[in-house]
Amino acid sequence: MRSKISSGVFMQLSIRKKMLMLGAICFISMLATFAIFYYNNLQGSQKIAQTTKNLINKEIDIKVELLTKSMAIALGDLIKDVDDEKEKIKIIATAIENFRFEEDQSGYTFLSIKKQPSKPILLEKT
């Protein structure tokens, strides 16, 4: 047997109020669905951005490592027959002085001997 209170209250509502309740329930359901969709879309966009960033950083690391190894091999071959340490430093400094990479010429190679000189003139003082 059904409860008289619950069925009685609903049955006493007019058709108009019942339709408004049904419409409100549908509207709230649609809002919840759109909110969930928006949240999932936002999370997906953030995950794609992070994955892309990680891939780009990995490619940059590979590029720098390859450049470093190639430059080390080339410079090693350039000075392999030179015995004087100061002469080796001078040859390497001359070889890398104007070497730039990247499209905007922001990449450069430097010679490090216990220190990291930022200008070629400092090589003579080390």
Protein backbone atom coordinates (compact mmCIF):
# COMPACT_ATOMS: atom_id res chain seq x y z
CA MET A 1 0.00 0.00 0.00
CA ARG A 2 1.34 3.39 -0.98
CA SER A 3 1.78 6.21 1.39
CA LYS A 4 -1.09 8.63 1.19
CA ILE A 5 1.16 11.60 1.88
CA SER A 6 3.66 11.12 -0.97
CA SER A 7 1.16 10.09 -3.61
CA GLY A 8 -1.42 12.57 -2.38
CA VAL A 9 0.87 15.61 -2.60
CA PHE A 10 2.06 14.76 -6.10
CA MET A 11 -1.44 13.94 -7.29
CA GLN A 12 -2.76 17.23 -5.98
CA LEU A 13 -0.37 19.21 -8.19
CA SER A 14 -1.79 20.60 -11.38
CA ILE A 15 -0.58 19.41 -14.79
CA ARG A 16 1.18 22.76 -15.23
CA LYS A 17 3.19 22.33 -12.00
CA LYS A 18 4.01 18.72 -12.89
CA MET A 19 5.31 19.85 -16.30
CA LEU A 20 7.33 22.65 -14.68
CA MET A 21 8.89 20.13 -12.26
CA LEU A 22 9.71 17.79 -15.14
CA GLY A 23 11.21 20.71 -17.11
CA ALA A 24 13.25 21.82 -14.08
CA ILE A 25 14.59 18.29 -13.60
CA CYS A 26 15.54 18.09 -17.31
CA PHE A 27 17.19 21.52 -17.16
CA ILE A 28 19.21 20.62 -14.06
CA SER A 29 20.24 17.33 -15.68
CA MET A 30 21.39 19.17 -18.81
CA LEU A 31 23.36 21.68 -16.72
CA ALA A 32 25.05 18.84 -14.83
CA THR A 33 25.88 17.09 -18.12
CA PHE A 34 27.37 20.26 -19.62
CA ALA A 35 29.35 20.95 -16.42
CA ILE A 36 30.81 17.43 -16.50
CA PHE A 37 31.60 17.79 -20.22
CA TYR A 38 33.30 21.15 -19.64
CA TYR A 39 35.37 19.79 -16.73
CA ASN A 40 36.49 16.74 -18.73
CA ASN A 41 37.32 18.93 -21.74
CA LEU A 42 39.39 21.24 -19.54
CA GLN A 43 41.25 18.30 -17.99
CA GLY A 44 41.90 16.83 -21.45
CA SER A 45 43.24 20.14 -22.75
CA GLN A 46 45.59 20.46 -19.79
CA LYS A 47 46.82 16.89 -20.24
CA ILE A 48 47.44 17.48 -23.95
CA ALA A 49 49.35 20.69 -23.18
CA GLN A 50 51.50 18.94 -20.56
CA THR A 51 52.21 15.98 -22.87
CA THR A 52 53.16 18.35 -25.70
CA LYS A 53 55.45 20.30 -23.37
CA ASN A 54 57.15 17.08 -22.24
CA LEU A 55 57.67 15.94 -25.84
CA ILE A 56 59.13 19.30 -26.87
CA ASN A 57 61.49 19.33 -23.87
CA LYS A 58 62.61 15.80 -24.69
CA GLU A 59 63.30 16.77 -28.30
CA ILE A 60 65.26 19.83 -27.16
CA ASP A 61 67.34 17.69 -24.81
CA ILE A 62 68.10 15.24 -27.62
CA LYS A 63 69.00 18.13 -29.95
CA VAL A 64 71.38 19.71 -27.43
CA GLU A 65 72.98 16.37 -26.60
CA LEU A 66 73.55 15.61 -30.29
CA LEU A 67 74.98 19.08 -30.89
CA THR A 68 77.30 18.78 -27.89
CA LYS A 69 78.61 15.37 -28.91
CA SER A 70 79.07 16.44 -32.53
CA MET A 71 80.89 19.61 -31.50
CA ALA A 72 83.13 17.69 -29.07
CA ILE A 73 84.07 15.17 -31.76
CA ALA A 74 84.73 17.88 -34.35
CA LEU A 75 86.83 19.98 -31.97
CA GLY A 76 88.71 16.89 -30.81
CA ASP A 77 89.59 16.08 -34.41
CA LEU A 78 90.62 19.70 -34.97
CA ILE A 79 93.20 19.70 -32.15
CA LYS A 80 94.32 16.07 -32.11
CA ASP A 81 97.77 16.88 -33.52
CA VAL A 82 98.41 19.97 -31.34
CA ASP A 83 100.53 19.45 -28.20
CA ASP A 84 100.51 22.88 -26.56
CA GLU A 85 97.54 23.39 -24.20
CA LYS A 86 97.31 27.14 -24.82
CA GLU A 87 97.38 26.57 -28.57
CA LYS A 88 94.54 24.03 -28.25
CA ILE A 89 92.47 26.56 -26.31
CA LYS A 90 93.17 29.25 -28.90
CA ILE A 91 92.17 26.98 -31.81
CA ILE A 92 88.95 25.90 -30.10
CA ALA A 93 88.08 29.48 -29.10
CA THR A 94 88.58 30.63 -32.69
CA ALA A 95 86.48 27.75 -34.01
CA ILE A 96 83.49 28.41 -31.73
CA GLU A 97 83.69 32.21 -31.54
CA ASN A 98 81.02 32.93 -34.16
CA PHE A 99 79.19 29.61 -34.07
CA ARG A 100 75.47 30.12 -33.39
CA PHE A 101 72.49 27.84 -33.79
CA GLU A 102 68.70 28.15 -33.58
CA GLU A 103 66.78 30.30 -36.02
CA ASP A 104 67.13 33.38 -33.85
CA GLN A 105 70.88 32.76 -33.33
CA SER A 106 70.35 32.43 -29.57
CA GLY A 107 72.21 29.13 -29.23
CA TYR A 108 75.94 29.14 -28.75
CA THR A 109 78.81 26.88 -27.73
CA PHE A 110 81.30 27.84 -25.03
CA LEU A 111 84.65 26.53 -23.89
CA SER A 112 84.90 25.65 -20.23
CA ILE A 113 88.19 25.17 -18.43
CA LYS A 114 87.37 24.82 -14.72
CA LYS A 115 85.31 28.00 -15.14
CA GLN A 116 82.62 29.17 -17.50
CA PRO A 117 83.86 32.30 -19.23
CA SER A 118 81.09 34.32 -20.82
CA LYS A 119 83.42 36.23 -23.14
CA PRO A 120 86.29 34.93 -25.31
CA ILE A 121 88.62 37.56 -23.84
CA LEU A 122 88.43 35.75 -20.49
CA LEU A 123 90.00 32.64 -22.01
CA GLU A 124 93.40 34.30 -21.94
CA LYS A 125 93.08 34.91 -18.19
CA THR A 126 92.28 31.29 -17.26
